[in-house]
Amino acid sequence: MARSIDLEERRRTVSAAAARVLAQDGLGALSVRNVAAAAGLPPSTVRYVFPTQASMREHTITAVFARTRARIDALPADLPPRERVHRLVLELLPLDEERVIELDVYLALGNAALTDAELRPALDRVVDEMREWSEGILQLLGVPEDDREYEARRLHALIDGLAMQIVRLAPGESGDWAIDVLDRHLDEIARA
């Protein structure tokens, strides 16, 4: 059992290091050597944990969304629906360093998945999960089921667009305006 726990811990360590390498230096820098250096591990350990670069890429994008999912799942269940929606969408925006790294990983690996058939299933799972979160938000807001697919696509596009604008802000510039835009959009949907 200890060996299994150690392997999982190594996977987490290597995935976090891979995410940092991607965020700082881009997809071209995602190599065994660079990830090993970022993780403080020998390259042989990285190769043992992820025998192929494709497996490291896939696990990295999956791990990033697992962290997002964990934050969303940790939201108190007894929040009023509108407060829960507000807190949930905040988890989807790059408002701190961790979420900026997550967005960088998503963008880098998402772009790679467009031409990498091995990575495409991981990207598809991430997109499906975003759609499910969007539909769940709309359900909490009381949007009729017939309108949810359309509104979920619109909400997903708005979140993605705001995320892109937030990460391009000048250092120290506030992204509070994006939260306001999203809150107003959600209020309009809830009133409709």
C-alpha atoms as a PDB file:
ATOM      1  CA  MET A   1       0.000   0.000   0.000  1.00  0.00           C
ATOM      2  CA  ALA A   2       2.836   2.438   0.816  1.00  0.00           C
ATOM      3  CA  ARG A   3       4.226   2.029  -2.720  1.00  0.00           C
ATOM      4  CA  SER A   4       0.841   2.972  -4.209  1.00  0.00           C
ATOM      5  CA  ILE A   5       0.594   6.053  -1.979  1.00  0.00           C
ATOM      6  CA  ASP A   6       4.156   7.033  -2.898  1.00  0.00           C
ATOM      7  CA  LEU A   7       3.363   6.724  -6.615  1.00  0.00           C
ATOM      8  CA  GLU A   8       0.269   8.920  -6.233  1.00  0.00           C
ATOM      9  CA  GLU A   9       2.296  11.498  -4.324  1.00  0.00           C
ATOM     10  CA  ARG A  10       4.947  11.456  -7.066  1.00  0.00           C
ATOM     11  CA  ARG A  11       2.217  11.911  -9.689  1.00  0.00           C
ATOM     12  CA  ARG A  12       0.902  14.953  -7.833  1.00  0.00           C
ATOM     13  CA  THR A  13       4.407  16.393  -7.459  1.00  0.00           C
ATOM     14  CA  VAL A  14       5.276  15.835 -11.111  1.00  0.00           C
ATOM     15  CA  SER A  15       1.893  17.157 -12.309  1.00  0.00           C
ATOM     16  CA  ALA A  16       2.280  20.333 -10.262  1.00  0.00           C
ATOM     17  CA  ALA A  17       5.796  20.802 -11.647  1.00  0.00           C
ATOM     18  CA  ALA A  18       4.567  20.192 -15.206  1.00  0.00           C
ATOM     19  CA  ALA A  19       1.831  22.794 -14.699  1.00  0.00           C
ATOM     20  CA  ARG A  20       4.405  25.325 -13.494  1.00  0.00           C
ATOM     21  CA  VAL A  21       6.680  24.610 -16.469  1.00  0.00           C
ATOM     22  CA  LEU A  22       3.759  25.015 -18.884  1.00  0.00           C
ATOM     23  CA  ALA A  23       2.591  28.246 -17.262  1.00  0.00           C
ATOM     24  CA  GLN A  24       6.068  29.791 -17.112  1.00  0.00           C
ATOM     25  CA  ASP A  25       7.684  28.562 -20.319  1.00  0.00           C
ATOM     26  CA  GLY A  26       4.994  27.141 -22.586  1.00  0.00           C
ATOM     27  CA  LEU A  27       4.310  23.757 -24.130  1.00  0.00           C
ATOM     28  CA  GLY A  28       7.665  23.594 -25.906  1.00  0.00           C
ATOM     29  CA  ALA A  29       9.406  23.519 -22.528  1.00  0.00           C
ATOM     30  CA  LEU A  30       7.382  20.564 -21.239  1.00  0.00           C
ATOM     31  CA  SER A  31      10.154  17.993 -21.218  1.00  0.00           C
ATOM     32  CA  VAL A  32      11.216  15.299 -18.773  1.00  0.00           C
ATOM     33  CA  ARG A  33      14.357  17.267 -17.928  1.00  0.00           C
ATOM     34  CA  ASN A  34      12.529  20.557 -17.259  1.00  0.00           C
ATOM     35  CA  VAL A  35       9.741  18.944 -15.264  1.00  0.00           C
ATOM     36  CA  ALA A  36      12.247  16.929 -13.225  1.00  0.00           C
ATOM     37  CA  ALA A  37      14.175  20.112 -12.421  1.00  0.00           C
ATOM     38  CA  ALA A  38      10.979  21.934 -11.420  1.00  0.00           C
ATOM     39  CA  ALA A  39       9.924  19.001  -9.224  1.00  0.00           C
ATOM     40  CA  GLY A  40      13.353  18.556  -7.674  1.00  0.00           C
ATOM     41  CA  LEU A  41      13.418  14.934  -8.813  1.00  0.00           C
ATOM     42  CA  PRO A  42      15.731  12.908 -11.023  1.00  0.00           C
ATOM     43  CA  PRO A  43      14.536  12.514 -14.639  1.00  0.00           C
ATOM     44  CA  SER A  44      14.266   8.743 -14.108  1.00  0.00           C
ATOM     45  CA  THR A  45      11.534   9.331 -11.505  1.00  0.00           C
ATOM     46  CA  VAL A  46       9.555  11.502 -13.908  1.00  0.00           C
ATOM     47  CA  ARG A  47       9.894   8.830 -16.606  1.00  0.00           C
ATOM     48  CA  TYR A  48       8.770   6.151 -14.136  1.00  0.00           C
ATOM     49  CA  VAL A  49       5.678   8.127 -13.140  1.00  0.00           C
ATOM     50  CA  PHE A  50       4.872   9.194 -16.711  1.00  0.00           C
ATOM     51  CA  PRO A  51       6.556   6.903 -19.254  1.00  0.00           C
ATOM     52  CA  THR A  52       5.511   9.084 -22.192  1.00  0.00           C
ATOM     53  CA  GLN A  53       5.217  12.790 -22.728  1.00  0.00           C
ATOM     54  CA  ALA A  54       1.606  12.223 -23.802  1.00  0.00           C
ATOM     55  CA  SER A  55       0.777  10.600 -20.455  1.00  0.00           C
ATOM     56  CA  MET A  56       2.357  13.545 -18.615  1.00  0.00           C
ATOM     57  CA  ARG A  57       0.352  16.029 -20.710  1.00  0.00           C
ATOM     58  CA  GLU A  58      -2.918  14.194 -20.214  1.00  0.00           C
ATOM     59  CA  HIS A  59      -2.425  13.778 -16.490  1.00  0.00           C
ATOM     60  CA  THR A  60      -1.464  17.441 -16.121  1.00  0.00           C
ATOM     61  CA  ILE A  61      -4.669  18.744 -17.702  1.00  0.00           C
ATOM     62  CA  THR A  62      -6.730  16.183 -15.775  1.00  0.00           C
ATOM     63  CA  ALA A  63      -5.029  17.144 -12.495  1.00  0.00           C
ATOM     64  CA  VAL A  64      -5.632  20.841 -13.124  1.00  0.00           C
ATOM     65  CA  PHE A  65      -9.342  20.289 -13.518  1.00  0.00           C
ATOM     66  CA  ALA A  66      -9.384  17.947 -10.533  1.00  0.00           C
ATOM     67  CA  ARG A  67      -8.156  20.876  -8.418  1.00  0.00           C
ATOM     68  CA  THR A  68     -10.897  23.098  -9.830  1.00  0.00           C
ATOM     69  CA  ARG A  69     -13.477  20.380  -9.175  1.00  0.00           C
ATOM     70  CA  ALA A  70     -12.209  19.948  -5.588  1.00  0.00           C
ATOM     71  CA  ARG A  71     -12.605  23.678  -4.906  1.00  0.00           C
ATOM     72  CA  ILE A  72     -16.126  23.637  -6.336  1.00  0.00           C
ATOM     73  CA  ASP A  73     -17.053  20.484  -4.416  1.00  0.00           C
ATOM     74  CA  ALA A  74     -15.763  22.129  -1.218  1.00  0.00           C
ATOM     75  CA  LEU A  75     -18.277  24.972  -1.470  1.00  0.00           C
ATOM     76  CA  PRO A  76     -20.757  24.777   1.401  1.00  0.00           C
ATOM     77  CA  ALA A  77     -23.861  22.886   0.293  1.00  0.00           C
ATOM     78  CA  ASP A  78     -26.167  25.084   2.362  1.00  0.00           C
ATOM     79  CA  LEU A  79     -25.410  28.328   0.538  1.00  0.00           C
ATOM     80  CA  PRO A  80     -28.414  30.117  -0.947  1.00  0.00           C
ATOM     81  CA  PRO A  81     -28.562  29.324  -4.694  1.00  0.00           C
ATOM     82  CA  ARG A  82     -27.493  32.785  -5.936  1.00  0.00           C
ATOM     83  CA  GLU A  83     -24.547  32.909  -3.487  1.00  0.00           C
ATOM     84  CA  ARG A  84     -23.532  29.385  -4.492  1.00  0.00           C
ATOM     85  CA  VAL A  85     -23.615  30.422  -8.166  1.00  0.00           C
ATOM     86  CA  HIS A  86     -21.476  33.484  -7.435  1.00  0.00           C
ATOM     87  CA  ARG A  87     -18.895  31.464  -5.515  1.00  0.00           C
ATOM     88  CA  LEU A  88     -18.860  28.732  -8.168  1.00  0.00           C
ATOM     89  CA  VAL A  89     -18.158  31.086 -11.070  1.00  0.00           C
ATOM     90  CA  LEU A  90     -15.369  32.744  -9.083  1.00  0.00           C
ATOM     91  CA  GLU A  91     -13.633  29.359  -9.004  1.00  0.00           C
ATOM     92  CA  LEU A  92     -13.702  29.332 -12.809  1.00  0.00           C
ATOM     93  CA  LEU A  93     -11.961  32.679 -13.242  1.00  0.00           C
ATOM     94  CA  PRO A  94      -8.169  33.174 -12.961  1.00  0.00           C
ATOM     95  CA  LEU A  95      -8.310  35.450  -9.920  1.00  0.00           C
ATOM     96  CA  ASP A  96      -5.210  34.162  -8.152  1.00  0.00           C
ATOM     97  CA  GLU A  97      -1.874  32.585  -9.062  1.00  0.00           C
ATOM     98  CA  GLU A  98      -3.170  29.002  -8.794  1.00  0.00           C
ATOM     99  CA  ARG A  99      -6.057  29.641 -11.164  1.00  0.00           C
ATOM    100  CA  VAL A 100      -3.840  31.585 -13.592  1.00  0.00           C
ATOM    101  CA  ILE A 101      -1.576  28.523 -13.802  1.00  0.00           C
ATOM    102  CA  GLU A 102      -4.634  26.332 -14.340  1.00  0.00           C
ATOM    103  CA  LEU A 103      -5.783  28.551 -17.209  1.00  0.00           C
ATOM    104  CA  ASP A 104      -2.297  28.538 -18.742  1.00  0.00           C
ATOM    105  CA  VAL A 105      -2.255  24.730 -18.631  1.00  0.00           C
ATOM    106  CA  TYR A 106      -5.736  24.504 -20.103  1.00  0.00           C
ATOM    107  CA  LEU A 107      -4.819  26.848 -22.956  1.00  0.00           C
ATOM    108  CA  ALA A 108      -1.486  25.206 -23.755  1.00  0.00           C
ATOM    109  CA  LEU A 109      -2.753  21.649 -23.633  1.00  0.00           C
ATOM    110  CA  GLY A 110      -6.080  22.599 -25.181  1.00  0.00           C
ATOM    111  CA  ASN A 111      -4.269  24.006 -28.196  1.00  0.00           C
ATOM    112  CA  ALA A 112      -2.051  20.929 -28.376  1.00  0.00           C
ATOM    113  CA  ALA A 113      -5.113  18.666 -28.236  1.00  0.00           C
ATOM    114  CA  LEU A 114      -6.382  20.145 -31.485  1.00  0.00           C
ATOM    115  CA  THR A 115      -3.629  18.255 -33.315  1.00  0.00           C
ATOM    116  CA  ASP A 116      -2.739  15.526 -30.797  1.00  0.00           C
ATOM    117  CA  ALA A 117      -5.237  12.661 -30.955  1.00  0.00           C
ATOM    118  CA  GLU A 118      -3.931  11.166 -27.677  1.00  0.00           C
ATOM    119  CA  LEU A 119      -4.626  14.384 -25.790  1.00  0.00           C
ATOM    120  CA  ARG A 120      -8.020  15.109 -27.332  1.00  0.00           C
ATOM    121  CA  PRO A 121     -10.053  12.861 -24.950  1.00  0.00           C
ATOM    122  CA  ALA A 122      -8.686  14.752 -21.910  1.00  0.00           C
ATOM    123  CA  LEU A 123      -9.644  18.086 -23.475  1.00  0.00           C
ATOM    124  CA  ASP A 124     -13.105  16.758 -24.342  1.00  0.00           C
ATOM    125  CA  ARG A 125     -13.611  15.707 -20.689  1.00  0.00           C
ATOM    126  CA  VAL A 126     -12.625  19.187 -19.515  1.00  0.00           C
ATOM    127  CA  VAL A 127     -15.004  20.872 -21.969  1.00  0.00           C
ATOM    128  CA  ASP A 128     -17.808  18.488 -20.922  1.00  0.00           C
ATOM    129  CA  GLU A 129     -17.173  19.298 -17.272  1.00  0.00           C
ATOM    130  CA  MET A 130     -17.335  23.049 -17.953  1.00  0.00           C
ATOM    131  CA  ARG A 131     -20.625  22.501 -19.766  1.00  0.00           C
ATOM    132  CA  GLU A 132     -21.963  20.514 -16.800  1.00  0.00           C
ATOM    133  CA  TRP A 133     -20.925  23.269 -14.369  1.00  0.00           C
ATOM    134  CA  SER A 134     -22.591  25.857 -16.606  1.00  0.00           C
ATOM    135  CA  GLU A 135     -25.788  23.807 -16.760  1.00  0.00           C
ATOM    136  CA  GLY A 136     -25.694  23.311 -12.978  1.00  0.00           C
ATOM    137  CA  ILE A 137     -25.370  27.077 -12.497  1.00  0.00           C
ATOM    138  CA  LEU A 138     -28.365  27.641 -14.735  1.00  0.00           C
ATOM    139  CA  GLN A 139     -30.381  25.029 -12.875  1.00  0.00           C
ATOM    140  CA  LEU A 140     -29.599  26.806  -9.588  1.00  0.00           C
ATOM    141  CA  LEU A 141     -30.811  30.049 -11.179  1.00  0.00           C
ATOM    142  CA  GLY A 142     -34.078  28.396 -12.204  1.00  0.00           C
ATOM    143  CA  VAL A 143     -33.511  28.543 -15.958  1.00  0.00           C
ATOM    144  CA  PRO A 144     -36.060  26.303 -17.707  1.00  0.00           C
ATOM    145  CA  GLU A 145     -34.592  23.050 -19.012  1.00  0.00           C
ATOM    146  CA  ASP A 146     -35.493  23.923 -22.620  1.00  0.00           C
ATOM    147  CA  ASP A 147     -33.236  27.004 -22.455  1.00  0.00           C
ATOM    148  CA  ARG A 148     -30.315  25.481 -20.567  1.00  0.00           C
ATOM    149  CA  GLU A 149     -28.267  24.141 -23.467  1.00  0.00           C
ATOM    150  CA  TYR A 150     -28.229  27.513 -25.229  1.00  0.00           C
ATOM    151  CA  GLU A 151     -27.637  29.481 -22.035  1.00  0.00           C
ATOM    152  CA  ALA A 152     -24.910  27.032 -20.926  1.00  0.00           C
ATOM    153  CA  ARG A 153     -23.005  27.627 -24.162  1.00  0.00           C
ATOM    154  CA  ARG A 154     -23.394  31.377 -23.727  1.00  0.00           C
ATOM    155  CA  LEU A 155     -22.265  31.269 -20.091  1.00  0.00           C
ATOM    156  CA  HIS A 156     -19.303  29.031 -20.935  1.00  0.00           C
ATOM    157  CA  ALA A 157     -18.246  31.449 -23.690  1.00  0.00           C
ATOM    158  CA  LEU A 158     -18.558  34.418 -21.328  1.00  0.00           C
ATOM    159  CA  ILE A 159     -16.488  32.721 -18.615  1.00  0.00           C
ATOM    160  CA  ASP A 160     -13.793  31.744 -21.119  1.00  0.00           C
ATOM    161  CA  GLY A 161     -13.724  35.253 -22.603  1.00  0.00           C
ATOM    162  CA  LEU A 162     -13.509  36.943 -19.215  1.00  0.00           C
ATOM    163  CA  ALA A 163     -10.760  34.538 -18.153  1.00  0.00           C
ATOM    164  CA  MET A 164      -8.719  35.498 -21.210  1.00  0.00           C
ATOM    165  CA  GLN A 165      -9.149  39.201 -20.464  1.00  0.00           C
ATOM    166  CA  ILE A 166      -8.284  38.808 -16.778  1.00  0.00           C
ATOM    167  CA  VAL A 167      -4.948  37.075 -17.454  1.00  0.00           C
ATOM    168  CA  ARG A 168      -3.987  39.893 -19.805  1.00  0.00           C
ATOM    169  CA  LEU A 169      -4.460  42.618 -17.183  1.00  0.00           C
ATOM    170  CA  ALA A 170      -1.459  44.697 -16.247  1.00  0.00           C
ATOM    171  CA  PRO A 171       0.246  43.636 -12.992  1.00  0.00           C
ATOM    172  CA  GLY A 172      -1.716  44.969 -10.050  1.00  0.00           C
ATOM    173  CA  GLU A 173      -4.778  45.794 -12.157  1.00  0.00           C
ATOM    174  CA  SER A 174      -8.005  44.519 -10.606  1.00  0.00           C
ATOM    175  CA  GLY A 175     -10.272  41.988 -12.287  1.00  0.00           C
ATOM    176  CA  ASP A 176     -13.255  43.063 -10.191  1.00  0.00           C
ATOM    177  CA  TRP A 177     -14.940  44.453 -13.311  1.00  0.00           C
ATOM    178  CA  ALA A 178     -15.068  40.907 -14.740  1.00  0.00           C
ATOM    179  CA  ILE A 179     -16.827  39.619 -11.632  1.00  0.00           C
ATOM    180  CA  ASP A 180     -19.339  42.451 -12.003  1.00  0.00           C
ATOM    181  CA  VAL A 181     -19.926  41.587 -15.684  1.00  0.00           C
ATOM    182  CA  LEU A 182     -20.496  37.946 -14.807  1.00  0.00           C
ATOM    183  CA  ASP A 183     -22.769  38.758 -11.850  1.00  0.00           C
ATOM    184  CA  ARG A 184     -24.884  41.082 -13.990  1.00  0.00           C
ATOM    185  CA  HIS A 185     -25.178  38.420 -16.680  1.00  0.00           C
ATOM    186  CA  LEU A 186     -26.282  35.846 -14.117  1.00  0.00           C
ATOM    187  CA  ASP A 187     -28.783  38.284 -12.596  1.00  0.00           C
ATOM    188  CA  GLU A 188     -30.269  38.917 -16.060  1.00  0.00           C
ATOM    189  CA  ILE A 189     -30.589  35.177 -16.664  1.00  0.00           C
ATOM    190  CA  ALA A 190     -32.228  34.674 -13.264  1.00  0.00           C
ATOM    191  CA  ARG A 191     -34.781  37.454 -13.978  1.00  0.00           C
ATOM    192  CA  ALA A 192     -35.716  36.151 -17.434  1.00  0.00           C
END
